[in-house]
Amino acid sequence: MLTITKKESNIWKLRFKGFNGSEIARKLEITRQAISKALRNADSKILRELNEHARMMGLAVTSVNSEKGILLGYNPQISAKTLIFFLPSSGFHTWFEYPDKCEDCSSCITYDGCVNVLKEASEFWGVPIKKDEEPTMIAEKLFKSVWR
């Protein structure tokens, strides 16, 4: 279970948004050493959690980046690329890339949940999306932009 503190999460989020350690320290009025420690702790916890999610799903891990909070893998049981990602406001999420995209996403029982997570991710990652885009297209755009 993720035990990242609110402080660690906030500092991690600021680094994700492009602030360096000195800028974060000034902004939060704490030492650079405290920032470095919080980032090490957050990265370690996020990495552990990403890997644990992958292990529980039986993924073959392709790559992982704790600073971005993302893990890319392959799920052999369903023959799908899989992305596990961390959002500070809602925790960990998993997205499967199916070779045959849904013909009508709106009829899927998880449609609303998918749309909400993708909107949250697009806001956090700063990727503009269109209101009428289907979740699979939004996801493709989001994950291509984040996994650079």
Protein backbone atom coordinates (compact mmCIF):
# COMPACT_ATOMS: atom_id res chain seq x y z
CA MET A 1 0.00 0.00 0.00
CA LEU A 2 1.26 3.46 -0.88
CA THR A 3 2.41 5.42 2.12
CA ILE A 4 3.48 8.57 0.31
CA THR A 5 2.79 11.56 2.53
CA LYS A 6 0.90 14.63 1.42
CA LYS A 7 4.13 16.64 1.67
CA GLU A 8 6.09 14.11 -0.44
CA SER A 9 3.27 14.02 -2.98
CA ASN A 10 3.18 17.81 -3.25
CA ILE A 11 6.97 18.04 -3.70
CA TRP A 12 6.89 15.18 -6.26
CA LYS A 13 4.11 16.98 -8.15
CA LEU A 14 6.10 20.23 -8.26
CA ARG A 15 9.13 18.42 -9.67
CA PHE A 16 6.87 16.72 -12.23
CA LYS A 17 5.64 20.18 -13.25
CA GLY A 18 9.25 21.21 -13.99
CA PHE A 19 10.46 22.90 -10.82
CA ASN A 20 13.98 22.01 -9.69
CA GLY A 21 14.92 21.30 -6.08
CA SER A 22 16.04 24.84 -5.32
CA GLU A 23 12.86 26.33 -6.75
CA ILE A 24 10.71 23.93 -4.76
CA ALA A 25 12.66 24.72 -1.58
CA ARG A 26 12.13 28.46 -2.08
CA LYS A 27 8.46 28.00 -2.95
CA LEU A 28 7.75 25.84 0.12
CA GLU A 29 10.24 27.66 2.36
CA ILE A 30 12.10 24.52 3.38
CA THR A 31 15.68 23.36 2.84
CA ARG A 32 16.95 21.76 -0.37
CA GLN A 33 18.04 18.83 1.76
CA ALA A 34 14.43 18.32 2.90
CA ILE A 35 13.32 18.48 -0.73
CA SER A 36 15.92 15.91 -1.78
CA LYS A 37 14.91 13.56 1.03
CA ALA A 38 11.21 13.90 0.25
CA LEU A 39 11.82 13.23 -3.46
CA ARG A 40 13.97 10.16 -2.71
CA ASN A 41 11.24 8.83 -0.42
CA ALA A 42 8.46 9.57 -2.91
CA ASP A 43 10.36 8.05 -5.84
CA SER A 44 11.15 4.93 -3.82
CA LYS A 45 7.55 4.48 -2.69
CA ILE A 46 6.14 5.09 -6.17
CA LEU A 47 8.64 2.70 -7.74
CA ARG A 48 7.79 -0.01 -5.21
CA GLU A 49 4.07 0.44 -5.82
CA LEU A 50 4.37 0.48 -9.61
CA ASN A 51 6.40 -2.73 -9.52
CA GLU A 52 4.00 -4.38 -7.07
CA HIS A 53 1.01 -3.58 -9.31
CA ALA A 54 2.91 -5.03 -12.27
CA ARG A 55 3.82 -8.15 -10.32
CA MET A 56 0.21 -8.72 -9.21
CA MET A 57 -0.99 -8.45 -12.81
CA GLY A 58 1.74 -10.71 -14.14
CA LEU A 59 3.17 -8.03 -16.42
CA ALA A 60 6.43 -8.24 -18.27
CA VAL A 61 7.85 -4.80 -17.41
CA THR A 62 9.26 -2.92 -20.39
CA SER A 63 10.30 0.27 -18.59
CA VAL A 64 9.57 2.23 -15.46
CA ASN A 65 10.09 5.85 -14.48
CA SER A 66 9.31 6.76 -10.85
CA GLU A 67 9.97 10.46 -11.51
CA LYS A 68 7.07 10.45 -13.98
CA GLY A 69 5.10 7.88 -12.00
CA ILE A 70 4.67 5.50 -14.94
CA LEU A 71 5.39 1.88 -15.76
CA LEU A 72 5.01 0.33 -19.18
CA GLY A 73 4.60 -3.39 -19.51
CA TYR A 74 2.96 -6.18 -21.43
CA ASN A 75 0.17 -8.40 -20.15
CA PRO A 76 0.55 -11.81 -21.81
CA GLN A 77 -2.80 -13.09 -20.48
CA ILE A 78 -4.75 -10.55 -22.56
CA SER A 79 -2.04 -9.75 -25.13
CA ALA A 80 -2.06 -6.06 -24.31
CA LYS A 81 0.44 -3.29 -23.67
CA THR A 82 -0.25 -2.02 -20.17
CA LEU A 83 0.46 1.32 -18.55
CA ILE A 84 0.35 1.81 -14.79
CA PHE A 85 0.51 5.42 -13.70
CA PHE A 86 0.38 7.52 -10.55
CA LEU A 87 -1.63 10.71 -10.14
CA PRO A 88 -1.08 12.56 -6.85
CA SER A 89 -4.77 13.30 -6.38
CA SER A 90 -6.13 9.79 -6.98
CA GLY A 91 -3.29 7.28 -6.75
CA PHE A 92 -2.51 4.47 -9.17
CA HIS A 93 -4.38 3.58 -12.34
CA THR A 94 -3.98 0.92 -15.00
CA TRP A 95 -4.69 1.26 -18.70
CA PHE A 96 -4.65 -1.60 -21.21
CA GLU A 97 -4.07 -0.99 -24.90
CA TYR A 98 -6.17 -3.47 -26.77
CA PRO A 99 -5.24 -4.17 -30.39
CA ASP A 100 -8.93 -4.00 -31.39
CA LYS A 101 -10.17 -0.73 -29.97
CA CYS A 102 -13.71 -0.57 -28.68
CA GLU A 103 -16.20 0.16 -31.41
CA ASP A 104 -18.47 2.09 -29.07
CA CYS A 105 -16.79 3.15 -25.84
CA SER A 106 -19.94 4.84 -24.54
CA SER A 107 -21.68 1.46 -24.12
CA CYS A 108 -18.91 0.13 -21.87
CA ILE A 109 -19.74 -0.17 -18.16
CA THR A 110 -16.44 1.52 -17.22
CA TYR A 111 -16.89 4.46 -19.62
CA ASP A 112 -17.51 7.18 -16.99
CA GLY A 113 -14.61 6.02 -14.83
CA CYS A 114 -12.26 5.93 -17.82
CA VAL A 115 -13.28 9.40 -18.94
CA ASN A 116 -12.81 10.83 -15.43
CA VAL A 117 -9.33 9.33 -15.02
CA LEU A 118 -8.29 10.48 -18.49
CA LYS A 119 -9.52 14.02 -17.81
CA GLU A 120 -7.60 14.07 -14.53
CA ALA A 121 -4.47 12.76 -16.24
CA SER A 122 -4.76 15.28 -19.09
CA GLU A 123 -5.02 18.15 -16.61
CA PHE A 124 -2.09 16.88 -14.53
CA TRP A 125 0.10 16.14 -17.55
CA GLY A 126 -0.93 19.36 -19.35
CA VAL A 127 -2.20 17.60 -22.45
CA PRO A 128 -5.22 19.26 -24.07
CA ILE A 129 -8.05 16.96 -25.06
CA LYS A 130 -11.26 17.50 -26.99
CA LYS A 131 -14.61 16.99 -25.29
CA ASP A 132 -15.92 14.60 -27.93
CA GLU A 133 -12.87 12.34 -28.20
CA GLU A 134 -13.36 8.69 -27.28
CA PRO A 135 -11.38 7.44 -24.27
CA THR A 136 -9.14 5.17 -26.38
CA MET A 137 -8.07 8.13 -28.54
CA ILE A 138 -7.55 10.37 -25.50
CA ALA A 139 -5.47 7.66 -23.84
CA GLU A 140 -3.34 7.18 -26.93
CA LYS A 141 -2.63 10.92 -27.09
CA LEU A 142 -1.94 11.20 -23.36
CA PHE A 143 0.38 8.26 -23.07
CA LYS A 144 2.36 9.16 -26.17
CA SER A 145 2.95 12.63 -24.72
CA VAL A 146 3.97 11.39 -21.28
CA TRP A 147 6.14 8.47 -22.36
CA ARG A 148 8.81 10.53 -24.13
